[in-house]
Protein backbone atom coordinates (compact mmCIF):
# COMPACT_ATOMS: atom_id res chain seq x y z
CA MET A 1 -82.74 84.53 61.81
CA PRO A 2 -85.07 84.79 59.35
CA THR A 3 -85.19 81.55 57.60
CA SER A 4 -85.28 82.48 54.44
CA ALA A 5 -81.71 84.31 54.95
CA THR A 6 -80.38 81.13 56.47
CA ARG A 7 -80.87 79.13 53.35
CA ARG A 8 -79.57 81.69 51.27
CA ALA A 9 -76.39 82.08 52.27
CA THR A 10 -76.34 77.83 52.44
CA THR A 11 -76.60 78.14 49.07
CA VAL A 12 -73.70 80.59 48.11
CA ARG A 13 -71.63 78.15 50.06
CA THR A 14 -72.17 75.44 48.05
CA LEU A 15 -71.87 77.35 44.74
CA ALA A 16 -69.04 78.72 46.29
CA GLY A 17 -67.41 75.21 46.96
CA ALA A 18 -68.70 73.96 43.39
CA VAL A 19 -67.39 77.11 41.88
CA LEU A 20 -63.92 76.50 44.19
CA ALA A 21 -63.99 72.22 43.21
CA ALA A 22 -64.08 73.70 39.56
CA ALA A 23 -61.32 75.72 39.45
CA LEU A 24 -59.52 72.20 41.06
CA VAL A 25 -60.23 69.86 38.49
CA VAL A 26 -59.27 72.46 36.10
CA PRO A 27 -56.09 72.07 36.48
CA VAL A 28 -55.92 68.31 37.07
CA ALA A 29 -57.30 68.19 33.53
CA THR A 30 -55.01 70.41 32.23
CA ALA A 31 -51.95 69.39 33.84
CA CYS A 32 -52.44 65.16 32.52
CA GLY A 33 -53.55 66.74 29.29
CA SER A 34 -50.33 67.66 29.72
CA THR A 35 -48.93 64.77 30.88
CA SER A 36 -50.76 63.24 27.46
CA ALA A 37 -49.22 65.28 24.70
CA ALA A 38 -45.47 64.86 26.41
CA ASN A 39 -46.33 61.83 26.51
CA SER A 40 -47.53 61.67 22.74
CA ALA A 41 -44.08 63.86 21.73
CA ALA A 42 -41.89 60.85 22.92
CA ALA A 43 -43.37 58.17 21.83
CA PRO A 44 -41.54 58.34 18.82
CA VAL A 45 -38.06 58.18 20.82
CA THR A 46 -39.20 55.36 22.50
CA THR A 47 -39.54 53.58 19.89
CA ALA A 48 -36.30 53.87 17.73
CA PRO A 49 -33.89 50.74 17.98
CA PRO A 50 -32.46 49.74 20.74
CA ALA A 51 -28.91 50.36 21.04
CA ALA A 52 -29.21 53.71 19.86
CA THR A 53 -29.76 52.64 17.00
CA THR A 54 -25.91 51.56 16.58
CA PRO A 55 -25.79 48.65 13.79
CA VAL A 56 -23.71 46.05 15.34
CA ALA A 57 -20.16 45.93 12.44
CA PRO A 58 -19.64 42.17 11.92
CA VAL A 59 -17.72 39.94 13.35
CA THR A 60 -14.66 38.27 11.42
CA PRO A 61 -13.90 34.56 12.51
CA ALA A 62 -10.86 34.03 14.32
CA ALA A 63 -9.10 36.82 12.95
CA THR A 64 -9.27 36.49 9.21
CA ALA A 65 -5.95 37.69 8.48
CA PRO A 66 -4.23 35.16 6.30
CA THR A 67 -1.93 32.83 8.31
CA ALA A 68 1.32 32.21 6.03
CA ALA A 69 0.81 29.32 4.57
CA THR A 70 3.27 26.63 5.32
CA PRO A 71 4.22 24.76 2.84
CA THR A 72 3.28 20.42 3.00
CA THR A 73 6.12 18.71 4.12
CA PRO A 74 5.74 15.03 1.60
CA THR A 75 5.71 11.97 4.16
CA THR A 76 8.77 10.21 4.70
CA PRO A 77 7.69 6.70 4.35
CA VAL A 78 9.12 4.36 7.16
CA GLY A 79 12.40 3.31 6.17
CA ALA A 80 13.05 5.69 3.42
CA THR A 81 15.41 9.03 4.30
CA SER A 82 14.26 12.78 3.17
CA THR A 83 16.71 14.62 1.39
CA PRO A 84 16.03 18.67 1.93
CA GLY A 85 15.09 20.08 -1.82
CA ARG A 86 14.14 16.74 -2.82
CA THR A 87 10.73 14.24 -2.88
CA ALA A 88 11.36 11.49 -0.27
CA PRO A 89 11.22 8.60 -2.42
CA THR A 90 8.16 6.26 -2.15
CA ALA A 91 8.58 2.74 0.22
CA PRO A 92 7.71 -0.12 -2.14
CA THR A 93 4.40 -1.74 -0.95
CA ALA A 94 3.13 -5.28 -1.07
CA SER A 95 1.29 -5.13 -3.77
CA THR A 96 4.66 -3.57 -5.82
CA PRO A 97 5.33 -6.69 -8.21
CA PRO A 98 9.44 -7.63 -7.94
CA ARG A 99 11.97 -7.26 -10.53
CA THR A 100 12.92 -10.33 -12.18
CA THR A 101 14.11 -11.82 -15.95
CA ALA A 102 11.36 -14.66 -15.70
CA PRO A 103 8.44 -14.00 -17.31
CA ALA A 104 5.53 -11.75 -16.06
CA GLY A 105 2.94 -14.05 -14.32
CA THR A 106 6.20 -16.05 -12.54
CA ALA A 107 5.65 -16.87 -8.99
CA LYS A 108 8.19 -15.31 -6.75
CA ALA A 109 11.06 -17.45 -5.81
CA LYS A 110 11.77 -18.36 -2.61
CA GLY A 111 14.16 -20.51 -0.41
CA PRO A 112 17.51 -22.16 -1.35
CA VAL A 113 19.21 -22.50 -5.02
CA HIS A 114 19.75 -25.99 -6.58
CA THR A 115 21.76 -25.98 -9.33
CA PHE A 116 21.88 -28.66 -12.17
CA PRO A 117 24.06 -29.13 -14.92
CA LEU A 118 22.28 -28.53 -18.59
CA VAL A 119 24.26 -31.05 -21.23
CA ASP A 120 24.79 -27.70 -23.34
CA GLY A 121 27.38 -26.35 -20.91
CA SER A 122 24.64 -24.03 -19.43
CA THR A 123 22.95 -25.19 -15.42
CA ALA A 124 19.83 -24.84 -14.57
CA GLU A 125 19.45 -22.65 -10.91
CA VAL A 126 15.93 -24.07 -9.44
CA GLN A 127 14.02 -22.96 -6.38
CA ALA A 128 10.87 -23.46 -5.26
CA THR A 129 7.71 -21.56 -5.59
CA GLY A 130 5.28 -23.15 -2.61
CA ASN A 131 2.34 -25.38 -3.14
CA GLN A 132 5.29 -27.87 -4.23
CA ASN A 133 5.74 -25.52 -7.37
CA HIS A 134 9.18 -24.83 -8.88
CA VAL A 135 10.52 -22.62 -11.06
CA ALA A 136 14.08 -22.84 -12.76
CA ARG A 137 16.35 -20.62 -14.39
CA ILE A 138 18.53 -21.42 -17.52
CA VAL A 139 21.70 -19.71 -16.60
CA HIS A 140 24.81 -19.36 -19.16
CA ASN A 141 27.52 -17.10 -18.59
CA GLY A 142 25.97 -15.37 -15.82
CA ALA A 143 22.37 -14.61 -18.47
CA VAL A 144 19.45 -15.98 -17.78
CA LEU A 145 18.80 -17.87 -21.52
CA ALA A 146 14.77 -19.05 -20.93
CA THR A 147 11.83 -19.95 -17.04
CA LEU A 148 10.93 -23.23 -16.08
CA GLU A 149 7.89 -23.31 -13.62
CA THR A 150 6.09 -25.97 -13.11
CA LYS A 151 2.39 -24.94 -12.01
CA ASP A 152 0.82 -27.77 -10.49
CA ALA A 153 2.00 -29.61 -14.01
CA ASP A 154 5.72 -31.16 -15.35
CA ALA A 155 7.53 -28.09 -17.64
CA GLY A 156 9.55 -28.76 -20.49
CA LEU A 157 10.81 -26.82 -23.60
CA ASP A 158 13.06 -27.10 -26.27
CA GLY A 159 16.04 -24.50 -26.05
CA ASN A 160 17.53 -24.36 -29.43
CA GLY A 161 17.55 -28.59 -29.64
CA MET A 162 18.48 -29.02 -25.84
CA PHE A 163 15.18 -30.35 -24.47
CA VAL A 164 14.61 -29.88 -20.73
CA VAL A 165 12.10 -31.22 -18.35
CA LEU A 166 11.41 -29.62 -14.65
CA SER A 167 9.35 -31.88 -12.62
CA LEU A 168 7.09 -31.23 -9.79
CA ASP A 169 9.78 -32.47 -7.45
CA GLY A 170 12.26 -29.86 -8.53
CA GLN A 171 14.47 -32.49 -10.81
CA VAL A 172 15.83 -31.05 -13.92
CA HIS A 173 16.67 -33.37 -17.25
CA SER A 174 18.10 -32.66 -20.62
CA TRP A 175 18.89 -34.63 -23.72
CA THR A 176 19.77 -34.16 -26.82
CA GLY A 177 18.04 -35.60 -29.95
CA GLY A 178 15.54 -38.90 -30.01
CA GLU A 179 13.31 -36.07 -31.96
CA HIS A 180 9.91 -36.55 -34.08
CA GLN A 181 8.12 -33.73 -35.72
CA GLY A 182 4.00 -34.53 -35.94
CA PRO A 183 1.58 -35.43 -36.75
CA GLY A 184 1.72 -39.01 -36.38
CA THR A 185 2.73 -41.75 -34.17
CA PHE A 186 6.19 -42.21 -33.39
CA LYS A 187 8.54 -44.69 -30.10
CA LEU A 188 9.18 -42.88 -27.32
CA ALA A 189 11.97 -44.03 -24.63
CA GLY A 190 10.88 -46.54 -21.84
CA GLY A 191 8.61 -48.60 -24.42
CA TRP A 192 6.21 -45.56 -24.41
CA THR A 193 4.19 -44.57 -27.79
CA ALA A 194 2.82 -41.34 -28.88
CA LYS A 195 0.20 -40.48 -30.97
CA VAL A 196 1.22 -36.72 -31.63
CA THR A 197 -2.54 -34.70 -33.85
CA LYS A 198 -2.21 -31.44 -35.19
CA ILE A 199 -5.38 -28.99 -33.34
CA GLY A 200 -3.96 -25.86 -35.54
CA ASP A 201 -1.31 -23.03 -35.36
CA LEU A 202 1.45 -23.61 -33.33
CA HIS A 203 -0.78 -26.43 -31.24
CA TYR A 204 -0.37 -29.87 -30.82
CA ARG A 205 -1.60 -32.84 -29.19
CA ALA A 206 -0.14 -36.02 -27.96
CA GLU A 207 -1.89 -38.79 -26.17
CA ILE A 208 1.09 -41.44 -24.00
CA LEU A 209 0.70 -44.72 -24.90
CA GLY A 210 0.87 -47.65 -23.02
CA LEU A 211 1.82 -51.24 -24.11
CA ASP A 212 -2.09 -52.37 -24.46
CA ASN A 213 -2.35 -48.95 -26.48
CA ALA A 214 -4.45 -47.53 -23.53
CA VAL A 215 -4.06 -43.72 -23.20
CA MET A 216 -1.52 -43.05 -20.21
CA ASP A 217 -1.12 -39.36 -20.22
CA THR A 218 -2.01 -36.08 -22.23
CA LEU A 219 0.76 -33.61 -23.25
CA GLU A 220 -1.12 -30.38 -24.66
CA ALA A 221 1.29 -27.17 -26.82
CA ASN A 222 -0.76 -24.52 -26.88
CA GLN A 223 1.66 -21.59 -28.78
CA HIS A 224 4.39 -22.82 -25.99
CA ASP A 225 5.91 -25.83 -25.23
CA VAL A 226 5.29 -28.21 -22.37
CA GLY A 227 6.90 -31.60 -20.70
CA ALA A 228 5.87 -34.36 -18.29
CA VAL A 229 7.81 -37.03 -16.73
CA ALA A 230 5.92 -41.28 -17.72
CA ASN A 231 7.94 -43.30 -15.12
CA ASP A 232 11.17 -41.88 -14.88
CA ILE A 233 11.02 -41.02 -19.14
CA PRO A 234 10.87 -37.24 -19.28
CA ILE A 235 9.33 -36.59 -22.32
CA VAL A 236 8.80 -32.97 -24.33
CA LEU A 237 5.97 -31.56 -26.67
CA THR A 238 6.90 -28.86 -28.59
CA ALA A 239 4.28 -25.91 -29.90
CA GLY A 240 5.88 -27.02 -33.71
CA GLY A 241 4.64 -30.87 -32.88
CA GLU A 242 7.88 -31.64 -32.47
CA ILE A 243 8.28 -34.90 -29.95
CA SER A 244 11.35 -36.23 -28.04
CA SER A 245 12.17 -38.57 -25.17
CA HIS A 246 15.13 -39.83 -22.73
CA ALA A 247 15.92 -42.60 -21.02
């Protein structure tokens, strides 16, 4: 075979292979382009919100349906009873003051009651209040007429001309008469002398003097009567300046 013919045949085969390769490449490119276009067209779908974009319904906490209101039952204090339809009474607390006919501020009496007859026919009911103090209620026909209380000192009063002294040891002394109107200096029972001075309205002071005129005790009645026991001699000084003693 001539050389030139051989070369031509080879060239033809080479070109044919090139054409075939080109033909194969074109579908592949077309297929790639089609896939890219398909992907581009599907892109909006893939970017959609998760769970098909269906909004999740808000959760209602613990079945928000209102629970039938249960009426609050007032707490019944210990020892108290509750009657249907009525509010249970509140038990008294320790801070609630006891009911008493004595003036406000009177200490709570405790212990046995000791009675003392008084010169006008009434009675003094005496009870201890603690710390060696006592309270005396002057009672007549079941009614409390007056109250005396020792507060680390003897107490006294003038009850319509009857003088009464309650001492720290719980003893009661009563008498009538023997009064002197101050200001001034007066002789008292038991050898005592009282020098009464007016300090102001319903305010008098009495200095109790011994045999040598030394001041042995001082009584001061400011808006209320006062009393003392000096060597077993009870003495009362009133807020009006009247002084009396009894042996």
